[in-house]
């Protein structure tokens, strides 16, 4: 769970910075749209990490 939080936070900061570079004037309205867009973009790698971890759990042999 900590890894997923780290992946989300890192991806969010990268997406936020990348999108913010392209906005000429950062106002309250554009800040909200920027935050939502960055959160959506950051969710994708987080879901991928979660999916891979679930596949590893599913296919790993159970310890008896």
Protein backbone atom coordinates (compact mmCIF):
# COMPACT_ATOMS: atom_id res chain seq x y z
CA UNK A 1 0.00 0.00 0.00
CA UNK A 2 2.89 2.36 0.71
CA UNK A 3 4.30 1.69 -2.74
CA UNK A 4 1.01 2.59 -4.39
CA UNK A 5 0.85 5.83 -2.42
CA UNK A 6 4.40 6.67 -3.44
CA UNK A 7 3.66 5.90 -7.10
CA UNK A 8 0.52 8.06 -7.00
CA UNK A 9 2.25 10.98 -5.30
CA UNK A 10 5.20 10.88 -7.69
CA UNK A 11 3.01 10.59 -10.78
CA UNK A 12 0.76 13.39 -9.52
CA UNK A 13 3.67 15.79 -9.01
CA UNK A 14 5.14 14.96 -12.43
CA UNK A 15 1.78 15.33 -14.19
CA UNK A 16 0.98 18.55 -12.32
CA UNK A 17 4.34 20.11 -13.21
CA UNK A 18 4.13 19.02 -16.84
CA UNK A 19 0.62 20.38 -17.34
CA UNK A 20 1.37 23.58 -15.38
CA UNK A 21 4.18 24.43 -17.78
CA UNK A 22 1.69 24.65 -20.63
CA UNK A 23 -0.78 26.98 -18.90
CA UNK A 24 0.03 30.65 -19.53
CA UNK A 25 -1.79 32.08 -16.46
CA UNK A 26 -2.60 30.01 -13.39
CA UNK A 27 -5.94 31.20 -12.00
CA UNK A 28 -8.30 29.54 -9.52
CA UNK A 29 -10.30 27.94 -12.34
CA UNK A 30 -7.30 26.61 -14.19
CA UNK A 31 -5.76 25.39 -10.93
CA UNK A 32 -8.82 23.22 -10.23
CA UNK A 33 -8.80 21.78 -13.75
CA UNK A 34 -5.05 21.22 -13.52
CA UNK A 35 -5.41 19.37 -10.20
CA UNK A 36 -8.19 17.13 -11.52
CA UNK A 37 -6.28 16.35 -14.71
CA UNK A 38 -3.11 15.53 -12.78
CA UNK A 39 -5.05 13.25 -10.41
CA UNK A 40 -6.60 11.35 -13.32
CA UNK A 41 -3.23 10.96 -15.03
CA UNK A 42 -1.58 9.87 -11.77
CA UNK A 43 -4.24 7.23 -11.14
CA UNK A 44 -3.25 5.24 -14.23
CA UNK A 45 0.22 4.10 -13.09
CA UNK A 46 -1.14 3.52 -9.58
CA UNK A 47 -3.82 1.20 -10.94
CA UNK A 48 -1.22 -0.59 -13.04
CA UNK A 49 0.98 -1.20 -9.98
CA UNK A 50 -2.06 -2.41 -8.02
CA UNK A 51 -3.09 -4.75 -10.85
CA UNK A 52 0.37 -6.24 -11.15
CA UNK A 53 0.58 -6.78 -7.39
CA UNK A 54 -2.80 -8.54 -7.45
CA UNK A 55 -1.64 -10.81 -10.29
CA UNK A 56 1.53 -11.67 -8.39
CA UNK A 57 -0.52 -12.47 -5.28
CA UNK A 58 -2.94 -14.60 -7.30
CA UNK A 59 -0.29 -16.66 -9.07
CA UNK A 60 2.18 -17.00 -6.20
CA UNK A 61 2.20 -20.38 -4.48
CA UNK A 62 0.48 -20.39 -1.14
CA UNK A 63 2.65 -21.21 1.87
CA UNK A 64 1.24 -24.11 3.90
